[in-house]
Amino acid sequence: MSGDVEEELQGIKDQTDGEIVISGSATLVRSLLSHGLLDELRLLLHPLAVGHGARLFEDQTPHTLELVDHDALSTGVLNLTYVPARA
């Protein structure tokens, strides 16, 4: 992609009948969410506590999400599916 990524992605979404999946890019997720281009957010929550790490949401902008599906895997990992809450 070149130019305005959000505009180009909206064009791709408009022309696509299926799902567009992005794996592992917190920076892109933040950008898509802030531009209203994220339809669903799937998070895998691992039962591991660490003292530091990268945050999914680095800024203080509130993002209200609605939990629409969840599942606990045999490993203890939680598979969580959210959608942006609609006003």
N, C-alpha and C. Protein backbone atom coordinates (compact mmCIF):
# COMPACT_ATOMS: atom_id res chain seq x y z
N MET A 1 0.84 -1.18 0.00
CA MET A 1 0.00 0.00 0.00
C MET A 1 0.88 1.24 0.00
N SER A 2 0.38 2.23 -0.64
CA SER A 2 1.07 3.52 -0.63
C SER A 2 0.02 4.61 -0.47
N GLY A 3 0.45 5.77 -0.03
CA GLY A 3 -0.50 6.86 0.16
C GLY A 3 -1.25 6.72 1.47
N ASP A 4 -2.53 7.02 1.45
CA ASP A 4 -3.38 7.00 2.64
C ASP A 4 -3.81 5.55 2.93
N VAL A 5 -3.17 4.92 3.92
CA VAL A 5 -3.41 3.52 4.22
C VAL A 5 -4.87 3.29 4.64
N GLU A 6 -5.40 4.17 5.47
CA GLU A 6 -6.79 4.01 5.92
C GLU A 6 -7.76 4.06 4.74
N GLU A 7 -7.54 4.99 3.82
CA GLU A 7 -8.41 5.12 2.65
C GLU A 7 -8.30 3.88 1.76
N GLU A 8 -7.07 3.40 1.57
CA GLU A 8 -6.88 2.21 0.74
C GLU A 8 -7.50 0.98 1.38
N LEU A 9 -7.35 0.85 2.70
CA LEU A 9 -7.94 -0.29 3.39
C LEU A 9 -9.46 -0.24 3.34
N GLN A 10 -10.05 0.93 3.48
CA GLN A 10 -11.51 1.05 3.36
C GLN A 10 -11.96 0.60 1.98
N GLY A 11 -11.19 0.95 0.96
CA GLY A 11 -11.51 0.51 -0.40
C GLY A 11 -11.45 -1.00 -0.53
N ILE A 12 -10.43 -1.62 0.08
CA ILE A 12 -10.31 -3.08 0.04
C ILE A 12 -11.49 -3.71 0.78
N LYS A 13 -11.84 -3.16 1.95
CA LYS A 13 -12.98 -3.69 2.71
C LYS A 13 -14.27 -3.60 1.90
N ASP A 14 -14.45 -2.49 1.19
CA ASP A 14 -15.66 -2.30 0.39
C ASP A 14 -15.75 -3.29 -0.76
N GLN A 15 -14.62 -3.78 -1.24
CA GLN A 15 -14.59 -4.69 -2.38
C GLN A 15 -14.47 -6.16 -1.98
N THR A 16 -14.42 -6.45 -0.68
CA THR A 16 -14.19 -7.81 -0.20
C THR A 16 -15.43 -8.34 0.50
N ASP A 17 -15.82 -9.57 0.12
CA ASP A 17 -16.95 -10.21 0.77
C ASP A 17 -16.54 -10.97 2.02
N GLY A 18 -15.31 -11.45 2.08
CA GLY A 18 -14.84 -12.26 3.19
C GLY A 18 -14.17 -11.43 4.26
N GLU A 19 -13.45 -12.12 5.12
CA GLU A 19 -12.75 -11.48 6.23
C GLU A 19 -11.35 -11.06 5.83
N ILE A 20 -10.88 -9.98 6.40
CA ILE A 20 -9.49 -9.56 6.28
C ILE A 20 -8.89 -9.74 7.67
N VAL A 21 -7.86 -10.57 7.76
CA VAL A 21 -7.27 -10.90 9.06
C VAL A 21 -5.86 -10.35 9.14
N ILE A 22 -5.55 -9.71 10.25
CA ILE A 22 -4.21 -9.19 10.52
C ILE A 22 -3.75 -9.84 11.81
N SER A 23 -2.57 -10.38 11.80
CA SER A 23 -2.07 -11.07 12.98
C SER A 23 -0.83 -10.38 13.52
N GLY A 24 -0.90 -10.00 14.80
CA GLY A 24 0.30 -9.59 15.52
C GLY A 24 0.82 -8.19 15.31
N SER A 25 0.02 -7.25 14.86
CA SER A 25 0.51 -5.88 14.68
C SER A 25 -0.28 -4.92 15.55
N ALA A 26 0.23 -4.67 16.76
CA ALA A 26 -0.46 -3.77 17.68
C ALA A 26 -0.55 -2.36 17.12
N THR A 27 0.49 -1.91 16.42
CA THR A 27 0.48 -0.57 15.83
C THR A 27 -0.63 -0.44 14.81
N LEU A 28 -0.78 -1.43 13.95
CA LEU A 28 -1.84 -1.38 12.93
C LEU A 28 -3.21 -1.49 13.58
N VAL A 29 -3.36 -2.34 14.60
CA VAL A 29 -4.64 -2.46 15.31
C VAL A 29 -5.05 -1.12 15.90
N ARG A 30 -4.12 -0.42 16.54
CA ARG A 30 -4.42 0.89 17.12
C ARG A 30 -4.89 1.87 16.05
N SER A 31 -4.20 1.87 14.92
CA SER A 31 -4.55 2.78 13.83
C SER A 31 -5.92 2.45 13.25
N LEU A 32 -6.19 1.18 13.00
CA LEU A 32 -7.47 0.78 12.43
C LEU A 32 -8.62 1.09 13.39
N LEU A 33 -8.40 0.84 14.67
CA LEU A 33 -9.43 1.12 15.66
C LEU A 33 -9.73 2.61 15.74
N SER A 34 -8.70 3.43 15.72
CA SER A 34 -8.91 4.88 15.81
C SER A 34 -9.60 5.45 14.57
N HIS A 35 -9.48 4.77 13.43
CA HIS A 35 -10.13 5.23 12.20
C HIS A 35 -11.45 4.52 11.92
N GLY A 36 -11.91 3.71 12.87
CA GLY A 36 -13.19 3.02 12.71
C GLY A 36 -13.16 1.92 11.67
N LEU A 37 -11.99 1.34 11.40
CA LEU A 37 -11.86 0.32 10.37
C LEU A 37 -11.74 -1.09 10.94
N LEU A 38 -11.75 -1.22 12.25
CA LEU A 38 -11.62 -2.54 12.88
C LEU A 38 -13.02 -3.05 13.23
N ASP A 39 -13.39 -4.18 12.66
CA ASP A 39 -14.71 -4.76 12.91
C ASP A 39 -14.71 -5.72 14.08
N GLU A 40 -13.58 -6.39 14.30
CA GLU A 40 -13.51 -7.40 15.33
C GLU A 40 -12.07 -7.51 15.82
N LEU A 41 -11.90 -7.70 17.11
CA LEU A 41 -10.58 -7.83 17.71
C LEU A 41 -10.54 -9.14 18.47
N ARG A 42 -9.64 -10.02 18.05
CA ARG A 42 -9.49 -11.31 18.73
C ARG A 42 -8.19 -11.29 19.52
N LEU A 43 -8.32 -11.52 20.81
CA LEU A 43 -7.16 -11.51 21.71
C LEU A 43 -6.98 -12.88 22.34
N LEU A 44 -5.74 -13.32 22.42
CA LEU A 44 -5.40 -14.52 23.17
C LEU A 44 -4.72 -14.06 24.45
N LEU A 45 -5.34 -14.34 25.57
CA LEU A 45 -4.82 -13.94 26.87
C LEU A 45 -4.15 -15.14 27.53
N HIS A 46 -2.83 -15.06 27.66
CA HIS A 46 -2.05 -16.16 28.22
C HIS A 46 -1.91 -16.00 29.73
N PRO A 47 -1.98 -17.11 30.47
CA PRO A 47 -1.86 -17.05 31.93
C PRO A 47 -0.40 -16.90 32.36
N LEU A 48 0.14 -15.71 32.11
CA LEU A 48 1.53 -15.43 32.39
C LEU A 48 1.63 -13.99 32.85
N ALA A 49 2.25 -13.77 33.98
CA ALA A 49 2.42 -12.41 34.50
C ALA A 49 3.88 -12.00 34.29
N VAL A 50 4.08 -10.87 33.65
CA VAL A 50 5.42 -10.34 33.43
C VAL A 50 5.49 -8.92 33.96
N GLY A 51 6.66 -8.45 34.27
CA GLY A 51 6.83 -7.13 34.84
C GLY A 51 6.84 -6.00 33.83
N HIS A 52 6.97 -6.34 32.57
CA HIS A 52 7.00 -5.30 31.54
C HIS A 52 6.64 -5.91 30.19
N GLY A 53 6.44 -5.06 29.22
CA GLY A 53 6.10 -5.51 27.87
C GLY A 53 5.40 -4.42 27.11
N ALA A 54 5.16 -4.68 25.85
CA ALA A 54 4.48 -3.70 25.00
C ALA A 54 2.98 -3.70 25.32
N ARG A 55 2.40 -2.54 25.32
CA ARG A 55 0.96 -2.39 25.54
C ARG A 55 0.25 -2.38 24.19
N LEU A 56 -0.93 -2.96 24.16
CA LEU A 56 -1.73 -2.90 22.94
C LEU A 56 -2.19 -1.47 22.68
N PHE A 57 -2.62 -0.80 23.74
CA PHE A 57 -3.07 0.58 23.62
C PHE A 57 -2.12 1.47 24.40
N GLU A 58 -1.24 2.18 23.69
CA GLU A 58 -0.23 3.01 24.33
C GLU A 58 -0.75 4.37 24.75
N ASP A 59 -1.70 4.92 24.03
CA ASP A 59 -2.18 6.25 24.35
C ASP A 59 -3.31 6.19 25.37
N GLN A 60 -3.82 7.31 25.74
CA GLN A 60 -4.89 7.39 26.73
C GLN A 60 -6.27 7.47 26.11
N THR A 61 -6.36 7.28 24.78
CA THR A 61 -7.64 7.34 24.10
C THR A 61 -8.49 6.14 24.52
N PRO A 62 -9.69 6.38 25.04
CA PRO A 62 -10.53 5.25 25.44
C PRO A 62 -11.11 4.53 24.22
N HIS A 63 -11.10 3.22 24.27
CA HIS A 63 -11.69 2.39 23.22
C HIS A 63 -12.68 1.46 23.92
N THR A 64 -13.95 1.70 23.75
CA THR A 64 -14.96 0.86 24.38
C THR A 64 -15.22 -0.34 23.49
N LEU A 65 -15.00 -1.52 24.06
CA LEU A 65 -15.17 -2.76 23.32
C LEU A 65 -16.25 -3.61 23.97
N GLU A 66 -16.92 -4.42 23.16
CA GLU A 66 -17.95 -5.32 23.66
C GLU A 66 -17.51 -6.76 23.43
N LEU A 67 -17.49 -7.57 24.47
CA LEU A 67 -17.14 -8.98 24.38
C LEU A 67 -18.28 -9.72 23.69
N VAL A 68 -17.99 -10.39 22.56
CA VAL A 68 -19.03 -11.10 21.83
C VAL A 68 -18.82 -12.61 21.82
N ASP A 69 -17.62 -13.07 22.20
CA ASP A 69 -17.37 -14.50 22.25
C ASP A 69 -16.14 -14.75 23.13
N HIS A 70 -16.10 -15.90 23.75
CA HIS A 70 -14.95 -16.27 24.57
C HIS A 70 -14.87 -17.78 24.68
N ASP A 71 -13.65 -18.24 24.89
CA ASP A 71 -13.41 -19.66 24.99
C ASP A 71 -12.13 -19.86 25.79
N ALA A 72 -12.11 -20.84 26.67
CA ALA A 72 -10.90 -21.19 27.41
C ALA A 72 -10.29 -22.43 26.77
N LEU A 73 -9.05 -22.30 26.32
CA LEU A 73 -8.35 -23.43 25.70
C LEU A 73 -7.81 -24.35 26.79
N SER A 74 -7.47 -25.57 26.44
CA SER A 74 -6.98 -26.55 27.41
C SER A 74 -5.69 -26.10 28.08
N THR A 75 -4.96 -25.19 27.47
CA THR A 75 -3.71 -24.67 28.02
C THR A 75 -3.93 -23.56 29.04
N GLY A 76 -5.18 -23.13 29.22
CA GLY A 76 -5.47 -22.03 30.11
C GLY A 76 -5.52 -20.69 29.40
N VAL A 77 -5.19 -20.68 28.12
CA VAL A 77 -5.25 -19.45 27.32
C VAL A 77 -6.72 -19.12 27.07
N LEU A 78 -7.06 -17.83 27.23
CA LEU A 78 -8.41 -17.37 26.92
C LEU A 78 -8.43 -16.79 25.52
N ASN A 79 -9.38 -17.24 24.71
CA ASN A 79 -9.58 -16.74 23.36
C ASN A 79 -10.78 -15.79 23.43
N LEU A 80 -10.52 -14.49 23.32
CA LEU A 80 -11.53 -13.46 23.52
C LEU A 80 -11.80 -12.73 22.21
N THR A 81 -13.07 -12.52 21.89
CA THR A 81 -13.44 -11.79 20.68
C THR A 81 -14.25 -10.57 21.08
N TYR A 82 -13.78 -9.40 20.65
CA TYR A 82 -14.43 -8.13 20.94
C TYR A 82 -14.82 -7.44 19.63
N VAL A 83 -15.82 -6.59 19.72
CA VAL A 83 -16.16 -5.67 18.63
C VAL A 83 -16.20 -4.27 19.24
N PRO A 84 -15.89 -3.26 18.44
CA PRO A 84 -16.01 -1.89 18.97
C PRO A 84 -17.48 -1.64 19.35
N ALA A 85 -17.69 -1.08 20.53
CA ALA A 85 -19.06 -0.78 20.99
C ALA A 85 -19.62 0.33 20.12
N ARG A 86 -20.85 0.17 19.73
CA ARG A 86 -21.54 1.18 18.91
C ARG A 86 -22.27 2.15 19.81
N ALA A 87 -22.23 3.41 19.45
CA ALA A 87 -22.89 4.45 20.26
C ALA A 87 -24.39 4.35 20.14
